[in-house]
Amino acid sequence: MKLLVVIAFITFTAAVGFGQQGQINIEQDDKIAELLDIYKSSNESHEYYRIQVGFGSYAKAQSIKENVEIDFPGLTSKIDFDSPTYRVRIGRFKTKLEAERKFKEVRIKYPDAMLLKPKKST
């Protein structure tokens, strides 16, 4: 039994001691970083269709947002302040068709919901 433990210890020590060691260097073309920056900036400046599901005081908006996240877990939700109220808006739809399809579904649960068009960039 002791011999088996000693052999296992020596084998383990040899495997760890003589294991391969190395370093990996990844070289990336500078144009990839430039393309990623362009992609990020285009997504940031792109306006999306959104669905407004409710508004009111901050406490009411938080309550609506919590309910929306339960009812539609796959959609992003956000509270925006638009004086004098807080507005709960969901989704980021690139196309009007996509937004309208989800809007029909949301209106079943939130009949006062409104489909918001993207703001025109100047």
PDB file of N, CA and C in Angstrom:
ATOM      1  N   MET A   1       0.819  -1.177   0.000  1.00  0.00           N
ATOM      2  CA  MET A   1       0.000   0.000   0.000  1.00  0.00           C
ATOM      3  C   MET A   1       0.879   1.263   0.000  1.00  0.00           C
ATOM      4  N   LYS A   2       1.921   1.251   0.853  1.00  0.00           N
ATOM      5  CA  LYS A   2       2.819   2.398   0.896  1.00  0.00           C
ATOM      6  C   LYS A   2       3.520   2.584  -0.443  1.00  0.00           C
ATOM      7  N   LEU A   3       3.858   1.477  -1.070  1.00  0.00           N
ATOM      8  CA  LEU A   3       4.539   1.538  -2.365  1.00  0.00           C
ATOM      9  C   LEU A   3       3.627   2.194  -3.410  1.00  0.00           C
ATOM     10  N   LEU A   4       2.370   1.876  -3.381  1.00  0.00           N
ATOM     11  CA  LEU A   4       1.410   2.446  -4.316  1.00  0.00           C
ATOM     12  C   LEU A   4       1.283   3.958  -4.109  1.00  0.00           C
ATOM     13  N   VAL A   5       1.265   4.411  -2.858  1.00  0.00           N
ATOM     14  CA  VAL A   5       1.187   5.836  -2.546  1.00  0.00           C
ATOM     15  C   VAL A   5       2.454   6.543  -3.020  1.00  0.00           C
ATOM     16  N   VAL A   6       3.597   5.941  -2.799  1.00  0.00           N
ATOM     17  CA  VAL A   6       4.870   6.530  -3.220  1.00  0.00           C
ATOM     18  C   VAL A   6       4.921   6.640  -4.739  1.00  0.00           C
ATOM     19  N   ILE A   7       4.499   5.607  -5.446  1.00  0.00           N
ATOM     20  CA  ILE A   7       4.511   5.625  -6.919  1.00  0.00           C
ATOM     21  C   ILE A   7       3.551   6.699  -7.431  1.00  0.00           C
ATOM     22  N   ALA A   8       2.366   6.819  -6.831  1.00  0.00           N
ATOM     23  CA  ALA A   8       1.397   7.831  -7.238  1.00  0.00           C
ATOM     24  C   ALA A   8       1.962   9.224  -6.997  1.00  0.00           C
ATOM     25  N   PHE A   9       2.631   9.425  -5.864  1.00  0.00           N
ATOM     26  CA  PHE A   9       3.221  10.718  -5.541  1.00  0.00           C
ATOM     27  C   PHE A   9       4.314  11.080  -6.544  1.00  0.00           C
ATOM     28  N   ILE A  10       5.170  10.133  -6.865  1.00  0.00           N
ATOM     29  CA  ILE A  10       6.262  10.381  -7.816  1.00  0.00           C
ATOM     30  C   ILE A  10       5.699  10.675  -9.203  1.00  0.00           C
ATOM     31  N   THR A  11       4.692   9.933  -9.605  1.00  0.00           N
ATOM     32  CA  THR A  11       4.081  10.159 -10.913  1.00  0.00           C
ATOM     33  C   THR A  11       3.448  11.551 -10.984  1.00  0.00           C
ATOM     34  N   PHE A  12       2.737  11.926  -9.944  1.00  0.00           N
ATOM     35  CA  PHE A  12       2.104  13.239  -9.897  1.00  0.00           C
ATOM     36  C   PHE A  12       3.147  14.357  -9.925  1.00  0.00           C
ATOM     37  N   THR A  13       4.189  14.197  -9.131  1.00  0.00           N
ATOM     38  CA  THR A  13       5.253  15.200  -9.068  1.00  0.00           C
ATOM     39  C   THR A  13       5.945  15.331 -10.417  1.00  0.00           C
ATOM     40  N   ALA A  14       6.207  14.213 -11.074  1.00  0.00           N
ATOM     41  CA  ALA A  14       6.872  14.249 -12.378  1.00  0.00           C
ATOM     42  C   ALA A  14       5.977  14.907 -13.421  1.00  0.00           C
ATOM     43  N   ALA A  15       4.685  14.616 -13.366  1.00  0.00           N
ATOM     44  CA  ALA A  15       3.763  15.203 -14.341  1.00  0.00           C
ATOM     45  C   ALA A  15       3.673  16.714 -14.176  1.00  0.00           C
ATOM     46  N   VAL A  16       3.633  17.170 -12.931  1.00  0.00           N
ATOM     47  CA  VAL A  16       3.562  18.601 -12.677  1.00  0.00           C
ATOM     48  C   VAL A  16       4.890  19.269 -12.995  1.00  0.00           C
ATOM     49  N   GLY A  17       5.972  18.637 -12.627  1.00  0.00           N
ATOM     50  CA  GLY A  17       7.294  19.224 -12.816  1.00  0.00           C
ATOM     51  C   GLY A  17       7.725  19.295 -14.258  1.00  0.00           C
ATOM     52  N   PHE A  18       7.341  18.315 -15.065  1.00  0.00           N
ATOM     53  CA  PHE A  18       7.775  18.282 -16.456  1.00  0.00           C
ATOM     54  C   PHE A  18       6.665  18.663 -17.432  1.00  0.00           C
ATOM     55  N   GLY A  19       5.576  19.195 -16.908  1.00  0.00           N
ATOM     56  CA  GLY A  19       4.457  19.606 -17.774  1.00  0.00           C
ATOM     57  C   GLY A  19       4.893  20.720 -18.704  1.00  0.00           C
ATOM     58  N   GLN A  20       4.160  20.844 -19.774  1.00  0.00           N
ATOM     59  CA  GLN A  20       4.505  21.872 -20.755  1.00  0.00           C
ATOM     60  C   GLN A  20       4.155  23.250 -20.220  1.00  0.00           C
ATOM     61  N   GLN A  21       5.081  24.128 -20.424  1.00  0.00           N
ATOM     62  CA  GLN A  21       4.860  25.512 -20.056  1.00  0.00           C
ATOM     63  C   GLN A  21       5.096  26.351 -21.290  1.00  0.00           C
ATOM     64  N   GLY A  22       4.342  27.385 -21.422  1.00  0.00           N
ATOM     65  CA  GLY A  22       4.525  28.213 -22.603  1.00  0.00           C
ATOM     66  C   GLY A  22       3.802  29.530 -22.466  1.00  0.00           C
ATOM     67  N   GLN A  23       3.962  30.317 -23.461  1.00  0.00           N
ATOM     68  CA  GLN A  23       3.339  31.624 -23.488  1.00  0.00           C
ATOM     69  C   GLN A  23       2.706  31.806 -24.857  1.00  0.00           C
ATOM     70  N   ILE A  24       1.498  32.349 -24.857  1.00  0.00           N
ATOM     71  CA  ILE A  24       0.795  32.566 -26.113  1.00  0.00           C
ATOM     72  C   ILE A  24       0.735  34.062 -26.371  1.00  0.00           C
ATOM     73  N   ASN A  25       1.136  34.434 -27.556  1.00  0.00           N
ATOM     74  CA  ASN A  25       1.040  35.833 -27.975  1.00  0.00           C
ATOM     75  C   ASN A  25       0.071  35.909 -29.141  1.00  0.00           C
ATOM     76  N   ILE A  26      -0.909  36.785 -29.022  1.00  0.00           N
ATOM     77  CA  ILE A  26      -1.880  36.962 -30.088  1.00  0.00           C
ATOM     78  C   ILE A  26      -1.639  38.306 -30.734  1.00  0.00           C
ATOM     79  N   GLU A  27      -1.435  38.279 -32.018  1.00  0.00           N
ATOM     80  CA  GLU A  27      -1.241  39.513 -32.759  1.00  0.00           C
ATOM     81  C   GLU A  27      -2.516  39.797 -33.530  1.00  0.00           C
ATOM     82  N   GLN A  28      -3.009  41.014 -33.362  1.00  0.00           N
ATOM     83  CA  GLN A  28      -4.270  41.391 -33.988  1.00  0.00           C
ATOM     84  C   GLN A  28      -4.041  42.589 -34.879  1.00  0.00           C
ATOM     85  N   ASP A  29      -4.612  42.544 -36.035  1.00  0.00           N
ATOM     86  CA  ASP A  29      -4.514  43.657 -36.972  1.00  0.00           C
ATOM     87  C   ASP A  29      -5.193  44.890 -36.364  1.00  0.00           C
ATOM     88  N   ASP A  30      -4.586  46.049 -36.514  1.00  0.00           N
ATOM     89  CA  ASP A  30      -5.143  47.293 -35.970  1.00  0.00           C
ATOM     90  C   ASP A  30      -6.500  47.627 -36.575  1.00  0.00           C
ATOM     91  N   LYS A  31      -6.758  47.149 -37.781  1.00  0.00           N
ATOM     92  CA  LYS A  31      -8.022  47.445 -38.443  1.00  0.00           C
ATOM     93  C   LYS A  31      -9.204  46.787 -37.725  1.00  0.00           C
ATOM     94  N   ILE A  32      -8.957  45.695 -37.023  1.00  0.00           N
ATOM     95  CA  ILE A  32     -10.031  45.040 -36.273  1.00  0.00           C
ATOM     96  C   ILE A  32     -10.513  45.960 -35.155  1.00  0.00           C
ATOM     97  N   ALA A  33      -9.595  46.572 -34.453  1.00  0.00           N
ATOM     98  CA  ALA A  33      -9.971  47.511 -33.393  1.00  0.00           C
ATOM     99  C   ALA A  33     -10.737  48.693 -33.973  1.00  0.00           C
ATOM    100  N   GLU A  34     -10.300  49.185 -35.134  1.00  0.00           N
ATOM    101  CA  GLU A  34     -11.000  50.300 -35.781  1.00  0.00           C
ATOM    102  C   GLU A  34     -12.420  49.903 -36.161  1.00  0.00           C
ATOM    103  N   LEU A  35     -12.580  48.700 -36.698  1.00  0.00           N
ATOM    104  CA  LEU A  35     -13.910  48.221 -37.079  1.00  0.00           C
ATOM    105  C   LEU A  35     -14.815  48.070 -35.862  1.00  0.00           C
ATOM    106  N   LEU A  36     -14.262  47.581 -34.770  1.00  0.00           N
ATOM    107  CA  LEU A  36     -15.053  47.452 -33.543  1.00  0.00           C
ATOM    108  C   LEU A  36     -15.497  48.816 -33.030  1.00  0.00           C
ATOM    109  N   ASP A  37     -14.629  49.802 -33.104  1.00  0.00           N
ATOM    110  CA  ASP A  37     -14.988  51.158 -32.680  1.00  0.00           C
ATOM    111  C   ASP A  37     -16.106  51.732 -33.561  1.00  0.00           C
ATOM    112  N   ILE A  38     -16.011  51.504 -34.866  1.00  0.00           N
ATOM    113  CA  ILE A  38     -17.045  51.979 -35.793  1.00  0.00           C
ATOM    114  C   ILE A  38     -18.370  51.291 -35.477  1.00  0.00           C
ATOM    115  N   TYR A  39     -18.324  49.987 -35.231  1.00  0.00           N
ATOM    116  CA  TYR A  39     -19.530  49.221 -34.915  1.00  0.00           C
ATOM    117  C   TYR A  39     -20.179  49.734 -33.631  1.00  0.00           C
ATOM    118  N   LYS A  40     -19.367  49.960 -32.598  1.00  0.00           N
ATOM    119  CA  LYS A  40     -19.896  50.450 -31.323  1.00  0.00           C
ATOM    120  C   LYS A  40     -20.528  51.828 -31.486  1.00  0.00           C
ATOM    121  N   SER A  41     -19.853  52.717 -32.203  1.00  0.00           N
ATOM    122  CA  SER A  41     -20.391  54.071 -32.358  1.00  0.00           C
ATOM    123  C   SER A  41     -21.666  54.070 -33.197  1.00  0.00           C
ATOM    124  N   SER A  42     -21.754  53.196 -34.192  1.00  0.00           N
ATOM    125  CA  SER A  42     -22.977  53.153 -34.993  1.00  0.00           C
ATOM    126  C   SER A  42     -24.140  52.615 -34.176  1.00  0.00           C
ATOM    127  N   ASN A  43     -23.882  51.667 -33.289  1.00  0.00           N
ATOM    128  CA  ASN A  43     -24.949  51.153 -32.430  1.00  0.00           C
ATOM    129  C   ASN A  43     -25.382  52.184 -31.403  1.00  0.00           C
ATOM    130  N   GLU A  44     -24.444  52.977 -30.907  1.00  0.00           N
ATOM    131  CA  GLU A  44     -24.786  54.000 -29.925  1.00  0.00           C
ATOM    132  C   GLU A  44     -25.610  55.117 -30.548  1.00  0.00           C
ATOM    133  N   SER A  45     -25.300  55.480 -31.783  1.00  0.00           N
ATOM    134  CA  SER A  45     -26.017  56.577 -32.416  1.00  0.00           C
ATOM    135  C   SER A  45     -27.317  56.116 -33.067  1.00  0.00           C
ATOM    136  N   HIS A  46     -27.490  54.833 -33.255  1.00  0.00           N
ATOM    137  CA  HIS A  46     -28.699  54.314 -33.884  1.00  0.00           C
ATOM    138  C   HIS A  46     -29.862  54.395 -32.912  1.00  0.00           C
ATOM    139  N   GLU A  47     -30.952  54.919 -33.374  1.00  0.00           N
ATOM    140  CA  GLU A  47     -32.147  55.011 -32.548  1.00  0.00           C
ATOM    141  C   GLU A  47     -33.015  53.785 -32.791  1.00  0.00           C
ATOM    142  N   TYR A  48     -33.700  53.352 -31.761  1.00  0.00           N
ATOM    143  CA  TYR A  48     -34.515  52.160 -31.825  1.00  0.00           C
ATOM    144  C   TYR A  48     -35.974  52.502 -31.554  1.00  0.00           C
ATOM    145  N   TYR A  49     -36.858  51.661 -32.074  1.00  0.00           N
ATOM    146  CA  TYR A  49     -38.254  51.735 -31.674  1.00  0.00           C
ATOM    147  C   TYR A  49     -38.331  51.206 -30.248  1.00  0.00           C
ATOM    148  N   ARG A  50     -39.148  51.846 -29.433  1.00  0.00           N
ATOM    149  CA  ARG A  50     -39.323  51.423 -28.044  1.00  0.00           C
ATOM    150  C   ARG A  50     -40.814  51.372 -27.758  1.00  0.00           C
ATOM    151  N   ILE A  51     -41.177  50.682 -26.705  1.00  0.00           N
ATOM    152  CA  ILE A  51     -42.563  50.613 -26.280  1.00  0.00           C
ATOM    153  C   ILE A  51     -42.649  51.218 -24.883  1.00  0.00           C
ATOM    154  N   GLN A  52     -43.492  52.229 -24.748  1.00  0.00           N
ATOM    155  CA  GLN A  52     -43.702  52.827 -23.430  1.00  0.00           C
ATOM    156  C   GLN A  52     -44.899  52.135 -22.804  1.00  0.00           C
ATOM    157  N   VAL A  53     -44.684  51.522 -21.630  1.00  0.00           N
ATOM    158  CA  VAL A  53     -45.752  50.748 -20.992  1.00  0.00           C
ATOM    159  C   VAL A  53     -46.436  51.488 -19.856  1.00  0.00           C
ATOM    160  N   GLY A  54     -45.849  52.569 -19.372  1.00  0.00           N
ATOM    161  CA  GLY A  54     -46.476  53.309 -18.284  1.00  0.00           C
ATOM    162  C   GLY A  54     -45.629  54.488 -17.855  1.00  0.00           C
ATOM    163  N   PHE A  55     -46.212  55.291 -16.980  1.00  0.00           N
ATOM    164  CA  PHE A  55     -45.492  56.457 -16.470  1.00  0.00           C
ATOM    165  C   PHE A  55     -46.104  56.881 -15.154  1.00  0.00           C
ATOM    166  N   GLY A  56     -45.415  57.763 -14.462  1.00  0.00           N
ATOM    167  CA  GLY A  56     -45.902  58.272 -13.186  1.00  0.00           C
ATOM    168  C   GLY A  56     -44.749  58.691 -12.304  1.00  0.00           C
ATOM    169  N   SER A  57     -44.966  58.615 -10.997  1.00  0.00           N
ATOM    170  CA  SER A  57     -43.913  58.945 -10.042  1.00  0.00           C
ATOM    171  C   SER A  57     -42.798  57.903 -10.155  1.00  0.00           C
ATOM    172  N   TYR A  58     -41.683  58.194  -9.521  1.00  0.00           N
ATOM    173  CA  TYR A  58     -40.566  57.245  -9.586  1.00  0.00           C
ATOM    174  C   TYR A  58     -40.939  55.904  -8.968  1.00  0.00           C
ATOM    175  N   ALA A  59     -41.656  55.935  -7.853  1.00  0.00           N
ATOM    176  CA  ALA A  59     -42.075  54.690  -7.195  1.00  0.00           C
ATOM    177  C   ALA A  59     -43.006  53.885  -8.103  1.00  0.00           C
ATOM    178  N   LYS A  60     -43.929  54.579  -8.754  1.00  0.00           N
ATOM    179  CA  LYS A  60     -44.848  53.884  -9.668  1.00  0.00           C
ATOM    180  C   LYS A  60     -44.084  53.308 -10.858  1.00  0.00           C
ATOM    181  N   ALA A  61     -43.138  54.081 -11.384  1.00  0.00           N
ATOM    182  CA  ALA A  61     -42.339  53.613 -12.521  1.00  0.00           C
ATOM    183  C   ALA A  61     -41.524  52.374 -12.141  1.00  0.00           C
ATOM    184  N   GLN A  62     -40.972  52.373 -10.932  1.00  0.00           N
ATOM    185  CA  GLN A  62     -40.219  51.194 -10.478  1.00  0.00           C
ATOM    186  C   GLN A  62     -41.123  49.975 -10.393  1.00  0.00           C
ATOM    187  N   SER A  63     -42.325  50.158  -9.899  1.00  0.00           N
ATOM    188  CA  SER A  63     -43.282  49.065  -9.784  1.00  0.00           C
ATOM    189  C   SER A  63     -43.657  48.523 -11.166  1.00  0.00           C
ATOM    190  N   ILE A  64     -43.920  49.425 -12.101  1.00  0.00           N
ATOM    191  CA  ILE A  64     -44.247  49.013 -13.472  1.00  0.00           C
ATOM    192  C   ILE A  64     -43.076  48.259 -14.076  1.00  0.00           C
ATOM    193  N   LYS A  65     -41.869  48.775 -13.896  1.00  0.00           N
ATOM    194  CA  LYS A  65     -40.669  48.147 -14.450  1.00  0.00           C
ATOM    195  C   LYS A  65     -40.494  46.735 -13.902  1.00  0.00           C
ATOM    196  N   GLU A  66     -40.703  46.541 -12.603  1.00  0.00           N
ATOM    197  CA  GLU A  66     -40.593  45.209 -12.003  1.00  0.00           C
ATOM    198  C   GLU A  66     -41.608  44.253 -12.619  1.00  0.00           C
ATOM    199  N   ASN A  67     -42.840  44.722 -12.821  1.00  0.00           N
ATOM    200  CA  ASN A  67     -43.870  43.878 -13.424  1.00  0.00           C
ATOM    201  C   ASN A  67     -43.542  43.534 -14.873  1.00  0.00           C
ATOM    202  N   VAL A  68     -43.042  44.517 -15.612  1.00  0.00           N
ATOM    203  CA  VAL A  68     -42.692  44.292 -17.016  1.00  0.00           C
ATOM    204  C   VAL A  68     -41.558  43.266 -17.132  1.00  0.00           C
ATOM    205  N   GLU A  69     -40.581  43.350 -16.240  1.00  0.00           N
ATOM    206  CA  GLU A  69     -39.464  42.410 -16.279  1.00  0.00           C
ATOM    207  C   GLU A  69     -39.928  40.984 -15.992  1.00  0.00           C
ATOM    208  N   ILE A  70     -40.996  40.839 -15.221  1.00  0.00           N
ATOM    209  CA  ILE A  70     -41.569  39.516 -14.970  1.00  0.00           C
ATOM    210  C   ILE A  70     -42.368  39.054 -16.184  1.00  0.00           C
ATOM    211  N   ASP A  71     -43.175  39.966 -16.748  1.00  0.00           N
ATOM    212  CA  ASP A  71     -44.040  39.623 -17.875  1.00  0.00           C
ATOM    213  C   ASP A  71     -43.271  39.417 -19.186  1.00  0.00           C
ATOM    214  N   PHE A  72     -42.208  40.185 -19.384  1.00  0.00           N
ATOM    215  CA  PHE A  72     -41.427  40.117 -20.623  1.00  0.00           C
ATOM    216  C   PHE A  72     -39.938  40.076 -20.292  1.00  0.00           C
ATOM    217  N   PRO A  73     -39.459  38.939 -19.779  1.00  0.00           N
ATOM    218  CA  PRO A  73     -38.062  38.867 -19.323  1.00  0.00           C
ATOM    219  C   PRO A  73     -37.028  39.022 -20.437  1.00  0.00           C
ATOM    220  N   GLY A  74     -37.399  38.807 -21.671  1.00  0.00           N
ATOM    221  CA  GLY A  74     -36.434  38.906 -22.764  1.00  0.00           C
ATOM    222  C   GLY A  74     -36.216  40.311 -23.281  1.00  0.00           C
ATOM    223  N   LEU A  75     -36.987  41.267 -22.793  1.00  0.00           N
ATOM    224  CA  LEU A  75     -36.865  42.645 -23.277  1.00  0.00           C
ATOM    225  C   LEU A  75     -36.121  43.513 -22.270  1.00  0.00           C
ATOM    226  N   THR A  76     -35.326  44.417 -22.790  1.00  0.00           N
ATOM    227  CA  THR A  76     -34.661  45.364 -21.902  1.00  0.00           C
ATOM    228  C   THR A  76     -35.689  46.386 -21.434  1.00  0.00           C
ATOM    229  N   SER A  77     -35.586  46.792 -20.196  1.00  0.00           N
ATOM    230  CA  SER A  77     -36.511  47.795 -19.674  1.00  0.00           C
ATOM    231  C   SER A  77     -35.705  48.926 -19.052  1.00  0.00           C
ATOM    232  N   LYS A  78     -36.277  50.115 -19.118  1.00  0.00           N
ATOM    233  CA  LYS A  78     -35.546  51.286 -18.657  1.00  0.00           C
ATOM    234  C   LYS A  78     -36.536  52.335 -18.177  1.00  0.00           C
ATOM    235  N   ILE A  79     -36.145  53.041 -17.138  1.00  0.00           N
ATOM    236  CA  ILE A  79     -36.944  54.173 -16.653  1.00  0.00           C
ATOM    237  C   ILE A  79     -36.266  55.446 -17.151  1.00  0.00           C
ATOM    238  N   ASP A  80     -37.017  56.243 -17.902  1.00  0.00           N
ATOM    239  CA  ASP A  80     -36.515  57.528 -18.400  1.00  0.00           C
ATOM    240  C   ASP A  80     -37.273  58.649 -17.712  1.00  0.00           C
ATOM    241  N   PHE A  81     -36.558  59.694 -17.349  1.00  0.00           N
ATOM    242  CA  PHE A  81     -37.219  60.868 -16.772  1.00  0.00           C
ATOM    243  C   PHE A  81     -37.501  61.851 -17.886  1.00  0.00           C
ATOM    244  N   ASP A  82     -38.772  62.145 -18.074  1.00  0.00           N
ATOM    245  CA  ASP A  82     -39.194  63.133 -19.052  1.00  0.00           C
ATOM    246  C   ASP A  82     -40.133  64.060 -18.297  1.00  0.00           C
ATOM    247  N   SER A  83     -39.623  65.193 -17.889  1.00  0.00           N
ATOM    248  CA  SER A  83     -40.308  66.094 -16.969  1.00  0.00           C
ATOM    249  C   SER A  83     -41.785  66.240 -17.327  1.00  0.00           C
ATOM    250  N   PRO A  84     -42.663  66.079 -16.419  1.00  0.00           N
ATOM    251  CA  PRO A  84     -42.500  65.933 -14.974  1.00  0.00           C
ATOM    252  C   PRO A  84     -42.643  64.488 -14.481  1.00  0.00           C
ATOM    253  N   THR A  85     -42.619  63.499 -15.370  1.00  0.00           N
ATOM    254  CA  THR A  85     -42.865  62.123 -14.940  1.00  0.00           C
ATOM    255  C   THR A  85     -41.746  61.184 -15.359  1.00  0.00           C
ATOM    256  N   TYR A  86     -41.782  60.015 -14.746  1.00  0.00           N
ATOM    257  CA  TYR A  86     -40.871  58.934 -15.106  1.00  0.00           C
ATOM    258  C   TYR A  86     -41.625  57.992 -16.033  1.00  0.00           C
ATOM    259  N   ARG A  87     -40.977  57.569 -17.089  1.00  0.00           N
ATOM    260  CA  ARG A  87     -41.620  56.736 -18.096  1.00  0.00           C
ATOM    261  C   ARG A  87     -40.882  55.404 -18.198  1.00  0.00           C
ATOM    262  N   VAL A  88     -41.648  54.330 -18.247  1.00  0.00           N
ATOM    263  CA  VAL A  88     -41.063  52.992 -18.361  1.00  0.00           C
ATOM    264  C   VAL A  88     -41.145  52.575 -19.819  1.00  0.00           C
ATOM    265  N   ARG A  89     -39.986  52.302 -20.391  1.00  0.00           N
ATOM    266  CA  ARG A  89     -39.903  51.928 -21.805  1.00  0.00           C
ATOM    267  C   ARG A  89     -39.174  50.610 -21.933  1.00  0.00           C
ATOM    268  N   ILE A  90     -39.648  49.812 -22.857  1.00  0.00           N
ATOM    269  CA  ILE A  90     -39.049  48.477 -23.036  1.00  0.00           C
ATOM    270  C   ILE A  90     -38.660  48.267 -24.491  1.00  0.00           C
ATOM    271  N   GLY A  91     -37.719  47.352 -24.670  1.00  0.00           N
ATOM    272  CA  GLY A  91     -37.317  46.924 -26.002  1.00  0.00           C
ATOM    273  C   GLY A  91     -36.367  47.879 -26.691  1.00  0.00           C
ATOM    274  N   ARG A  92     -35.699  47.319 -27.682  1.00  0.00           N
ATOM    275  CA  ARG A  92     -34.833  48.075 -28.591  1.00  0.00           C
ATOM    276  C   ARG A  92     -34.992  47.406 -29.944  1.00  0.00           C
ATOM    277  N   PHE A  93     -35.971  47.874 -30.694  1.00  0.00           N
ATOM    278  CA  PHE A  93     -36.313  47.235 -31.958  1.00  0.00           C
ATOM    279  C   PHE A  93     -35.751  48.036 -33.117  1.00  0.00           C
ATOM    280  N   LYS A  94     -35.011  47.380 -33.986  1.00  0.00           N
ATOM    281  CA  LYS A  94     -34.385  48.069 -35.111  1.00  0.00           C
ATOM    282  C   LYS A  94     -35.380  48.350 -36.224  1.00  0.00           C
ATOM    283  N   THR A  95     -36.351  47.461 -36.395  1.00  0.00           N
ATOM    284  CA  THR A  95     -37.304  47.654 -37.482  1.00  0.00           C
ATOM    285  C   THR A  95     -38.694  47.915 -36.931  1.00  0.00           C
ATOM    286  N   LYS A  96     -39.485  48.618 -37.722  1.00  0.00           N
ATOM    287  CA  LYS A  96     -40.850  48.924 -37.318  1.00  0.00           C
ATOM    288  C   LYS A  96     -41.681  47.649 -37.238  1.00  0.00           C
ATOM    289  N   LEU A  97     -41.455  46.731 -38.153  1.00  0.00           N
ATOM    290  CA  LEU A  97     -42.203  45.474 -38.166  1.00  0.00           C
ATOM    291  C   LEU A  97     -41.974  44.683 -36.880  1.00  0.00           C
ATOM    292  N   GLU A  98     -40.723  44.570 -36.492  1.00  0.00           N
ATOM    293  CA  GLU A  98     -40.381  43.863 -35.249  1.00  0.00           C
ATOM    294  C   GLU A  98     -41.035  44.535 -34.043  1.00  0.00           C
ATOM    295  N   ALA A  99     -41.010  45.867 -34.023  1.00  0.00           N
ATOM    296  CA  ALA A  99     -41.595  46.619 -32.919  1.00  0.00           C
ATOM    297  C   ALA A  99     -43.112  46.437 -32.873  1.00  0.00           C
ATOM    298  N   GLU A 100     -43.761  46.487 -34.020  1.00  0.00           N
ATOM    299  CA  GLU A 100     -45.213  46.349 -34.056  1.00  0.00           C
ATOM    300  C   GLU A 100     -45.672  44.964 -33.613  1.00  0.00           C
ATOM    301  N   ARG A 101     -44.914  43.947 -33.963  1.00  0.00           N
ATOM    302  CA  ARG A 101     -45.271  42.585 -33.532  1.00  0.00           C
ATOM    303  C   ARG A 101     -45.225  42.466 -32.007  1.00  0.00           C
ATOM    304  N   LYS A 102     -44.185  42.988 -31.408  1.00  0.00           N
ATOM    305  CA  LYS A 102     -44.066  42.910 -29.959  1.00  0.00           C
ATOM    306  C   LYS A 102     -45.074  43.842 -29.288  1.00  0.00           C
ATOM    307  N   PHE A 103     -45.352  44.976 -29.926  1.00  0.00           N
ATOM    308  CA  PHE A 103     -46.306  45.930 -29.391  1.00  0.00           C
ATOM    309  C   PHE A 103     -47.695  45.293 -29.247  1.00  0.00           C
ATOM    310  N   LYS A 104     -48.106  44.518 -30.242  1.00  0.00           N
ATOM    311  CA  LYS A 104     -49.403  43.841 -30.168  1.00  0.00           C
ATOM    312  C   LYS A 104     -49.458  42.905 -28.963  1.00  0.00           C
ATOM    313  N   GLU A 105     -48.366  42.227 -28.701  1.00  0.00           N
ATOM    314  CA  GLU A 105     -48.284  41.304 -27.562  1.00  0.00           C
ATOM    315  C   GLU A 105     -48.310  42.080 -26.233  1.00  0.00           C
ATOM    316  N   VAL A 106     -47.572  43.179 -26.175  1.00  0.00           N
ATOM    317  CA  VAL A 106     -47.492  43.971 -24.947  1.00  0.00           C
ATOM    318  C   VAL A 106     -48.837  44.627 -24.633  1.00  0.00           C
ATOM    319  N   ARG A 107     -49.565  45.074 -25.655  1.00  0.00           N
ATOM    320  CA  ARG A 107     -50.850  45.755 -25.440  1.00  0.00           C
ATOM    321  C   ARG A 107     -51.880  44.854 -24.762  1.00  0.00           C
ATOM    322  N   ILE A 108     -51.734  43.550 -24.903  1.00  0.00           N
ATOM    323  CA  ILE A 108     -52.663  42.631 -24.232  1.00  0.00           C
ATOM    324  C   ILE A 108     -52.541  42.800 -22.720  1.00  0.00           C
ATOM    325  N   LYS A 109     -51.331  42.892 -22.230  1.00  0.00           N
ATOM    326  CA  LYS A 109     -51.072  43.012 -20.794  1.00  0.00           C
ATOM    327  C   LYS A 109     -51.106  44.465 -20.322  1.00  0.00           C
ATOM    328  N   TYR A 110     -50.659  45.392 -21.185  1.00  0.00           N
ATOM    329  CA  TYR A 110     -50.588  46.814 -20.845  1.00  0.00           C
ATOM    330  C   TYR A 110     -51.347  47.608 -21.922  1.00  0.00           C
ATOM    331  N   PRO A 111     -52.674  47.746 -21.772  1.00  0.00           N
ATOM    332  CA  PRO A 111     -53.484  48.365 -22.823  1.00  0.00           C
ATOM    333  C   PRO A 111     -53.143  49.830 -23.107  1.00  0.00           C
ATOM    334  N   ASP A 112     -52.517  50.522 -22.175  1.00  0.00           N
ATOM    335  CA  ASP A 112     -52.159  51.927 -22.388  1.00  0.00           C
ATOM    336  C   ASP A 112     -50.782  52.093 -23.032  1.00  0.00           C
ATOM    337  N   ALA A 113     -50.167  50.996 -23.431  1.00  0.00           N
ATOM    338  CA  ALA A 113     -48.821  51.055 -24.015  1.00  0.00           C
ATOM    339  C   ALA A 113     -48.841  51.852 -25.313  1.00  0.00           C
ATOM    340  N   MET A 114     -47.690  52.465 -25.619  1.00  0.00           N
ATOM    341  CA  MET A 114     -47.542  53.250 -26.841  1.00  0.00           C
ATOM    342  C   MET A 114     -46.260  52.834 -27.544  1.00  0.00           C
ATOM    343  N   LEU A 115     -46.323  52.763 -28.861  1.00  0.00           N
ATOM    344  CA  LEU A 115     -45.137  52.480 -29.666  1.00  0.00           C
ATOM    345  C   LEU A 115     -44.461  53.804 -29.978  1.00  0.00           C
ATOM    346  N   LEU A 116     -43.194  53.918 -29.615  1.00  0.00           N
ATOM    347  CA  LEU A 116     -42.445  55.153 -29.829  1.00  0.00           C
ATOM    348  C   LEU A 116     -41.517  55.000 -31.021  1.00  0.00           C
ATOM    349  N   LYS A 117     -41.574  55.978 -31.906  1.00  0.00           N
ATOM    350  CA  LYS A 117     -40.695  55.974 -33.066  1.00  0.00           C
ATOM    351  C   LYS A 117     -39.331  56.511 -32.668  1.00  0.00           C
ATOM    352  N   PRO A 118     -38.300  56.109 -33.409  1.00  0.00           N
ATOM    353  CA  PRO A 118     -36.959  56.656 -33.108  1.00  0.00           C
ATOM    354  C   PRO A 118     -36.906  58.146 -33.421  1.00  0.00           C
ATOM    355  N   LYS A 119     -36.085  58.838 -32.652  1.00  0.00           N
ATOM    356  CA  LYS A 119     -35.889  60.253 -32.921  1.00  0.00           C
ATOM    357  C   LYS A 119     -35.024  60.386 -34.146  1.00  0.00           C
ATOM    358  N   LYS A 120     -35.331  61.366 -34.974  1.00  0.00           N
ATOM    359  CA  LYS A 120     -34.515  61.589 -36.155  1.00  0.00           C
ATOM    360  C   LYS A 120     -33.230  62.282 -35.746  1.00  0.00           C
ATOM    361  N   SER A 121     -32.107  61.722 -36.199  1.00  0.00           N
ATOM    362  CA  SER A 121     -30.826  62.346 -35.871  1.00  0.00           C
ATOM    363  C   SER A 121     -30.588  63.499 -36.821  1.00  0.00           C
ATOM    364  N   THR A 122     -30.005  64.545 -36.277  1.00  0.00           N
ATOM    365  CA  THR A 122     -29.779  65.736 -37.103  1.00  0.00           C
ATOM    366  C   THR A 122     -28.339  65.851 -37.485  1.00  0.00           C
TER     367      THR A 122
END
